[in-house]
Protein backbone atom coordinates (compact mmCIF):
# COMPACT_ATOMS: atom_id res chain seq x y z
CA MET A 1 121.12 99.69 119.73
CA THR A 2 118.55 96.90 119.72
CA ALA A 3 117.07 95.67 116.44
CA GLU A 4 113.62 96.96 117.46
CA ARG A 5 114.92 100.43 118.28
CA SER A 6 116.94 100.45 115.07
CA ALA A 7 113.82 99.59 113.05
CA VAL A 8 111.87 102.41 114.69
CA ALA A 9 114.72 104.88 114.22
CA THR A 10 114.98 104.09 110.51
CA GLY A 11 111.20 104.17 109.96
CA ARG A 12 110.86 100.44 109.42
CA GLY A 13 109.00 98.02 111.61
CA SER A 14 105.68 99.79 112.06
CA ARG A 15 104.70 99.88 108.40
CA GLY A 16 102.51 96.77 108.75
CA PHE A 17 99.73 98.53 110.63
CA GLU A 18 99.92 101.45 108.21
CA ILE A 19 99.39 99.06 105.29
CA VAL A 20 96.35 97.55 107.02
CA LEU A 21 94.98 101.04 107.71
CA ILE A 22 95.45 102.03 104.07
CA ALA A 23 93.76 98.80 102.93
CA VAL A 24 90.74 99.41 105.18
CA TYR A 25 90.43 102.98 103.93
CA GLY A 26 90.75 101.72 100.36
CA ILE A 27 87.98 99.18 100.89
CA PHE A 28 85.75 101.85 102.39
CA ALA A 29 86.59 104.21 99.53
CA ILE A 30 85.46 101.61 96.99
CA SER A 31 82.35 100.49 98.88
CA ALA A 32 81.17 103.99 99.80
CA THR A 33 81.78 105.25 96.25
CA ALA A 34 79.87 102.36 94.70
CA ARG A 35 76.98 102.75 97.15
CA SER A 36 76.72 106.52 96.77
CA LEU A 37 76.95 106.47 92.98
CA VAL A 38 74.16 103.89 92.74
CA GLN A 39 72.03 105.94 95.15
CA VAL A 40 72.66 109.24 93.37
CA LEU A 41 72.17 107.86 89.86
CA ARG A 42 69.14 105.71 90.66
CA ASP A 43 67.08 107.47 93.33
CA PHE A 44 68.55 110.91 94.01
CA SER A 45 65.19 112.64 94.46
CA PHE A 46 64.14 110.13 97.15
CA ALA A 47 66.81 111.14 99.70
CA PRO A 48 69.12 113.83 98.28
CA VAL A 49 70.64 114.82 101.65
CA ALA A 50 71.43 111.22 102.60
CA TYR A 51 72.86 110.39 99.20
CA LEU A 52 75.02 113.51 99.00
CA LEU A 53 76.38 112.77 102.47
CA SER A 54 77.22 109.23 101.36
CA LEU A 55 79.06 110.74 98.39
CA LEU A 56 80.91 113.08 100.77
CA ALA A 57 81.91 110.07 102.88
CA ALA A 58 83.19 108.31 99.76
CA ILE A 59 85.26 111.33 98.72
CA THR A 60 86.66 111.58 102.24
CA TYR A 61 87.71 107.90 102.24
CA ILE A 62 89.37 108.32 98.85
CA ALA A 63 91.24 111.43 100.04
CA VAL A 64 92.43 109.80 103.28
CA THR A 65 93.59 106.72 101.36
CA ILE A 66 95.62 108.87 98.96
CA ALA A 67 97.04 111.01 101.79
CA LEU A 68 98.16 107.93 103.72
CA VAL A 69 99.75 106.37 100.63
CA ARG A 70 101.60 109.56 99.72
CA GLY A 71 102.50 110.92 103.15
CA GLY A 72 102.30 107.94 105.45
CA ARG A 73 102.25 108.44 109.16
CA ARG A 74 103.76 111.92 108.87
CA SER A 75 100.95 113.26 106.70
CA ALA A 76 99.40 116.41 108.12
CA VAL A 77 96.85 116.19 105.31
CA ALA A 78 95.79 112.69 106.45
CA ARG A 79 95.51 113.95 110.01
CA GLY A 80 93.31 116.87 108.96
CA LEU A 81 91.14 114.65 106.78
CA CYS A 82 90.68 112.15 109.61
CA ILE A 83 89.57 114.96 111.91
CA ALA A 84 87.07 116.12 109.26
CA GLU A 85 85.93 112.52 108.78
CA LEU A 86 85.34 112.05 112.50
CA ALA A 87 83.43 115.34 112.65
CA GLY A 88 81.31 114.18 109.70
CA VAL A 89 80.50 110.86 111.34
CA LEU A 90 79.56 112.57 114.60
CA ILE A 91 77.46 115.28 112.94
CA VAL A 92 75.66 112.97 110.51
CA GLY A 93 75.22 110.30 113.18
CA THR A 94 73.66 112.83 115.53
CA LEU A 95 71.41 114.27 112.80
CA THR A 96 70.11 110.82 111.87
CA LEU A 97 69.01 110.38 115.47
CA LEU A 98 67.61 113.90 115.99
CA ASP A 99 65.90 114.38 112.61
CA PRO A 100 65.29 111.03 110.92
CA ALA A 101 62.99 112.71 108.36
CA LEU A 102 66.10 114.18 106.72
CA PHE A 103 67.32 110.65 106.08
CA PRO A 104 64.62 108.49 104.49
CA ASP A 105 67.40 106.15 103.39
CA ALA A 106 70.65 105.05 105.01
CA THR A 107 73.97 106.85 104.65
CA VAL A 108 77.48 105.57 105.27
CA TRP A 109 77.84 107.78 108.35
CA GLY A 110 74.18 107.51 109.44
CA HIS A 111 73.61 106.26 112.98
CA PHE A 112 77.39 106.58 113.44
CA GLY A 113 78.11 103.96 110.78
CA GLN A 114 75.80 101.31 112.22
CA GLY A 115 75.20 99.81 108.77
CA TYR A 116 78.94 99.19 108.50
CA GLY A 117 79.40 97.78 111.99
CA PHE A 118 80.37 101.19 113.42
CA VAL A 119 83.68 101.00 111.53
CA PRO A 120 83.09 104.53 110.13
CA LEU A 121 83.09 105.82 113.72
CA LEU A 122 86.11 103.81 114.86
CA LEU A 123 88.27 104.16 111.74
CA PRO A 124 89.17 107.87 112.07
CA VAL A 125 89.78 107.44 115.82
CA VAL A 126 92.19 104.55 115.18
CA ALA A 127 93.85 106.46 112.34
CA LEU A 128 94.30 109.58 114.46
CA LEU A 129 95.75 107.59 117.34
CA TYR A 130 98.15 105.86 114.95
CA LEU A 131 99.18 109.13 113.30
CA ARG A 132 99.69 110.78 116.68
CA ARG A 133 101.65 107.86 118.11
CA SER A 134 103.80 107.56 115.03
CA GLY A 135 104.48 111.29 114.92
CA ARG A 136 105.65 111.30 118.53
CA ARG A 137 107.89 108.28 117.93
CA GLU A 138 109.53 110.00 114.96
CA GLU A 139 110.02 113.27 116.85
CA GLY A 140 112.03 111.41 119.47
CA SER A 141 113.93 109.21 117.03
CA GLY A 142 116.83 111.53 116.41
CA PRO A 143 120.42 110.34 116.47
CA VAL A 144 121.19 107.94 119.29
CA ALA A 145 124.57 108.18 120.91
């Protein structure tokens, strides 16, 4: 058995990308939480829908970060949260284009995460691809004769 195949079979070797993914989610959890708390505490009446959606984004990033840390690439919870996150980005992004009056101020997911370089749109897609790819690899990594 090659060293690479041995690393995959024992679950080592692909942890580097997972650590980067967790770090990015952690950074977004901190930044979205800070932003939403300032918005809610300072100017809630100005844009309540936008600010509550930013708070929802922050909670989602926190939950995904925790799910990835606890369950890693096998986490069904992380997978479900990433699907919900992607749905949120798509729904909020579409609403900000169709009804801008609902959003007098920016949200994390507004305009599909444009204010964050579209990372909020790409992050759940990358995470889901990673979780799917890793899950398939582990399904086929049974005993090798």
